[in-house]
């Protein structure tokens, strides 16, 4: 099993911060990450 912990910041432009089992960031950082994953 695998999982990713996501902590969504209330600030849309908050930068992404990664750690071992997930990341935190604003909505725009999450959208950019999902687009990058789709392109890979």
PDB file of N, CA and C in Angstrom:
ATOM      1  N   UNK A   1       0.845  -1.182   0.000  1.00  0.00           N
ATOM      2  CA  UNK A   1       0.000   0.000   0.000  1.00  0.00           C
ATOM      3  C   UNK A   1       0.882   1.233   0.000  1.00  0.00           C
ATOM      4  N   UNK A   2       0.385   2.270  -0.606  1.00  0.00           N
ATOM      5  CA  UNK A   2       1.107   3.544  -0.598  1.00  0.00           C
ATOM      6  C   UNK A   2       0.109   4.666  -0.358  1.00  0.00           C
ATOM      7  N   UNK A   3       0.627   5.760   0.136  1.00  0.00           N
ATOM      8  CA  UNK A   3      -0.228   6.908   0.402  1.00  0.00           C
ATOM      9  C   UNK A   3       0.608   8.167   0.319  1.00  0.00           C
ATOM     10  N   UNK A   4      -0.055   9.288   0.129  1.00  0.00           N
ATOM     11  CA  UNK A   4       0.584  10.601   0.124  1.00  0.00           C
ATOM     12  C   UNK A   4      -0.227  11.500   1.039  1.00  0.00           C
ATOM     13  N   UNK A   5       0.455  12.151   1.950  1.00  0.00           N
ATOM     14  CA  UNK A   5      -0.193  13.095   2.849  1.00  0.00           C
ATOM     15  C   UNK A   5      -0.158  14.460   2.182  1.00  0.00           C
ATOM     16  N   UNK A   6      -1.307  15.107   2.060  1.00  0.00           N
ATOM     17  CA  UNK A   6      -1.412  16.422   1.443  1.00  0.00           C
ATOM     18  C   UNK A   6      -1.941  17.412   2.463  1.00  0.00           C
ATOM     19  N   UNK A   7      -1.196  18.480   2.677  1.00  0.00           N
ATOM     20  CA  UNK A   7      -1.640  19.564   3.550  1.00  0.00           C
ATOM     21  C   UNK A   7      -1.843  20.783   2.657  1.00  0.00           C
ATOM     22  N   UNK A   8      -3.103  21.103   2.350  1.00  0.00           N
ATOM     23  CA  UNK A   8      -3.420  22.207   1.455  1.00  0.00           C
ATOM     24  C   UNK A   8      -3.448  23.510   2.241  1.00  0.00           C
ATOM     25  N   UNK A   9      -2.596  24.442   1.844  1.00  0.00           N
ATOM     26  CA  UNK A   9      -2.489  25.747   2.493  1.00  0.00           C
ATOM     27  C   UNK A   9      -3.650  26.631   2.035  1.00  0.00           C
ATOM     28  N   UNK A  10      -4.142  27.483   2.904  1.00  0.00           N
ATOM     29  CA  UNK A  10      -5.240  28.393   2.563  1.00  0.00           C
ATOM     30  C   UNK A  10      -4.806  29.450   1.551  1.00  0.00           C
ATOM     31  N   UNK A  11      -3.511  29.715   1.481  1.00  0.00           N
ATOM     32  CA  UNK A  11      -2.981  30.702   0.526  1.00  0.00           C
ATOM     33  C   UNK A  11      -2.759  30.012  -0.820  1.00  0.00           C
ATOM     34  N   UNK A  12      -3.464  30.407  -1.869  1.00  0.00           N
ATOM     35  CA  UNK A  12      -3.367  29.722  -3.161  1.00  0.00           C
ATOM     36  C   UNK A  12      -1.961  29.687  -3.744  1.00  0.00           C
ATOM     37  N   UNK A  13      -1.156  30.707  -3.477  1.00  0.00           N
ATOM     38  CA  UNK A  13       0.181  30.780  -4.066  1.00  0.00           C
ATOM     39  C   UNK A  13       1.286  30.312  -3.127  1.00  0.00           C
ATOM     40  N   UNK A  14       0.938  29.634  -2.045  1.00  0.00           N
ATOM     41  CA  UNK A  14       1.956  29.120  -1.120  1.00  0.00           C
ATOM     42  C   UNK A  14       2.832  28.117  -1.865  1.00  0.00           C
ATOM     43  N   UNK A  15       4.149  28.186  -1.671  1.00  0.00           N
ATOM     44  CA  UNK A  15       5.041  27.265  -2.386  1.00  0.00           C
ATOM     45  C   UNK A  15       4.915  25.835  -1.869  1.00  0.00           C
ATOM     46  N   UNK A  16       5.295  24.904  -2.720  1.00  0.00           N
ATOM     47  CA  UNK A  16       5.248  23.503  -2.328  1.00  0.00           C
ATOM     48  C   UNK A  16       6.445  23.170  -1.446  1.00  0.00           C
ATOM     49  N   UNK A  17       6.174  22.466  -0.373  1.00  0.00           N
ATOM     50  CA  UNK A  17       7.221  21.949   0.515  1.00  0.00           C
ATOM     51  C   UNK A  17       7.033  20.446   0.586  1.00  0.00           C
ATOM     52  N   UNK A  18       8.072  19.711   0.257  1.00  0.00           N
ATOM     53  CA  UNK A  18       7.991  18.241   0.259  1.00  0.00           C
ATOM     54  C   UNK A  18       8.595  17.676   1.527  1.00  0.00           C
ATOM     55  N   UNK A  19       8.098  16.539   1.939  1.00  0.00           N
ATOM     56  CA  UNK A  19       8.704  15.752   2.996  1.00  0.00           C
ATOM     57  C   UNK A  19       8.518  14.288   2.641  1.00  0.00           C
ATOM     58  N   UNK A  20       8.939  13.406   3.502  1.00  0.00           N
ATOM     59  CA  UNK A  20       9.050  11.990   3.153  1.00  0.00           C
ATOM     60  C   UNK A  20       7.757  11.368   2.615  1.00  0.00           C
ATOM     61  N   UNK A  21       6.627  11.634   3.219  1.00  0.00           N
ATOM     62  CA  UNK A  21       5.377  10.970   2.816  1.00  0.00           C
ATOM     63  C   UNK A  21       4.348  11.913   2.213  1.00  0.00           C
ATOM     64  N   UNK A  22       4.766  13.087   1.754  1.00  0.00           N
ATOM     65  CA  UNK A  22       3.795  13.970   1.148  1.00  0.00           C
ATOM     66  C   UNK A  22       4.335  15.368   0.934  1.00  0.00           C
ATOM     67  N   UNK A  23       3.419  16.313   0.894  1.00  0.00           N
ATOM     68  CA  UNK A  23       3.825  17.688   0.694  1.00  0.00           C
ATOM     69  C   UNK A  23       2.733  18.628   1.171  1.00  0.00           C
ATOM     70  N   UNK A  24       3.104  19.888   1.308  1.00  0.00           N
ATOM     71  CA  UNK A  24       2.135  20.930   1.623  1.00  0.00           C
ATOM     72  C   UNK A  24       2.352  22.062   0.639  1.00  0.00           C
ATOM     73  N   UNK A  25       1.312  22.815   0.411  1.00  0.00           N
ATOM     74  CA  UNK A  25       1.419  23.945  -0.503  1.00  0.00           C
ATOM     75  C   UNK A  25       0.042  24.471  -0.840  1.00  0.00           C
ATOM     76  N   UNK A  26       0.044  25.522  -1.607  1.00  0.00           N
ATOM     77  CA  UNK A  26      -1.205  26.137  -2.035  1.00  0.00           C
ATOM     78  C   UNK A  26      -1.812  25.414  -3.223  1.00  0.00           C
ATOM     79  N   UNK A  27      -3.000  25.827  -3.566  1.00  0.00           N
ATOM     80  CA  UNK A  27      -3.739  25.175  -4.644  1.00  0.00           C
ATOM     81  C   UNK A  27      -3.000  25.272  -5.974  1.00  0.00           C
ATOM     82  N   UNK A  28      -2.344  26.394  -6.241  1.00  0.00           N
ATOM     83  CA  UNK A  28      -1.629  26.540  -7.512  1.00  0.00           C
ATOM     84  C   UNK A  28      -0.428  25.599  -7.593  1.00  0.00           C
ATOM     85  N   UNK A  29       0.256  25.380  -6.484  1.00  0.00           N
ATOM     86  CA  UNK A  29       1.370  24.433  -6.461  1.00  0.00           C
ATOM     87  C   UNK A  29       0.857  23.010  -6.685  1.00  0.00           C
ATOM     88  N   UNK A  30      -0.283  22.692  -6.107  1.00  0.00           N
ATOM     89  CA  UNK A  30      -0.868  21.364  -6.300  1.00  0.00           C
ATOM     90  C   UNK A  30      -1.256  21.155  -7.762  1.00  0.00           C
ATOM     91  N   UNK A  31      -1.872  22.145  -8.371  1.00  0.00           N
ATOM     92  CA  UNK A  31      -2.262  22.045  -9.781  1.00  0.00           C
ATOM     93  C   UNK A  31      -1.031  21.843 -10.659  1.00  0.00           C
ATOM     94  N   UNK A  32       0.033  22.602 -10.393  1.00  0.00           N
ATOM     95  CA  UNK A  32       1.268  22.455 -11.170  1.00  0.00           C
ATOM     96  C   UNK A  32       1.852  21.056 -11.003  1.00  0.00           C
ATOM     97  N   UNK A  33       1.819  20.527  -9.798  1.00  0.00           N
ATOM     98  CA  UNK A  33       2.345  19.180  -9.538  1.00  0.00           C
ATOM     99  C   UNK A  33       1.523  18.124 -10.278  1.00  0.00           C
ATOM    100  N   UNK A  34       0.215  18.257 -10.273  1.00  0.00           N
ATOM    101  CA  UNK A  34      -0.636  17.294 -10.977  1.00  0.00           C
ATOM    102  C   UNK A  34      -0.410  17.342 -12.484  1.00  0.00           C
ATOM    103  N   UNK A  35      -0.223  18.545 -13.035  1.00  0.00           N
ATOM    104  CA  UNK A  35       0.080  18.668 -14.466  1.00  0.00           C
ATOM    105  C   UNK A  35       1.414  18.001 -14.796  1.00  0.00           C
ATOM    106  N   UNK A  36       2.410  18.183 -13.937  1.00  0.00           N
ATOM    107  CA  UNK A  36       3.721  17.567 -14.155  1.00  0.00           C
ATOM    108  C   UNK A  36       3.621  16.046 -14.090  1.00  0.00           C
ATOM    109  N   UNK A  37       2.819  15.533 -13.168  1.00  0.00           N
ATOM    110  CA  UNK A  37       2.649  14.084 -13.051  1.00  0.00           C
ATOM    111  C   UNK A  37       1.955  13.527 -14.291  1.00  0.00           C
ATOM    112  N   UNK A  38       0.984  14.256 -14.804  1.00  0.00           N
ATOM    113  CA  UNK A  38       0.267  13.805 -15.992  1.00  0.00           C
ATOM    114  C   UNK A  38       1.195  13.764 -17.202  1.00  0.00           C
ATOM    115  N   UNK A  39       2.084  14.750 -17.303  1.00  0.00           N
ATOM    116  CA  UNK A  39       2.997  14.836 -18.443  1.00  0.00           C
ATOM    117  C   UNK A  39       4.088  13.767 -18.395  1.00  0.00           C
ATOM    118  N   UNK A  40       4.366  13.251 -17.214  1.00  0.00           N
ATOM    119  CA  UNK A  40       5.470  12.277 -17.071  1.00  0.00           C
ATOM    120  C   UNK A  40       5.114  10.916 -17.620  1.00  0.00           C
TER     121      UNK A  40
END
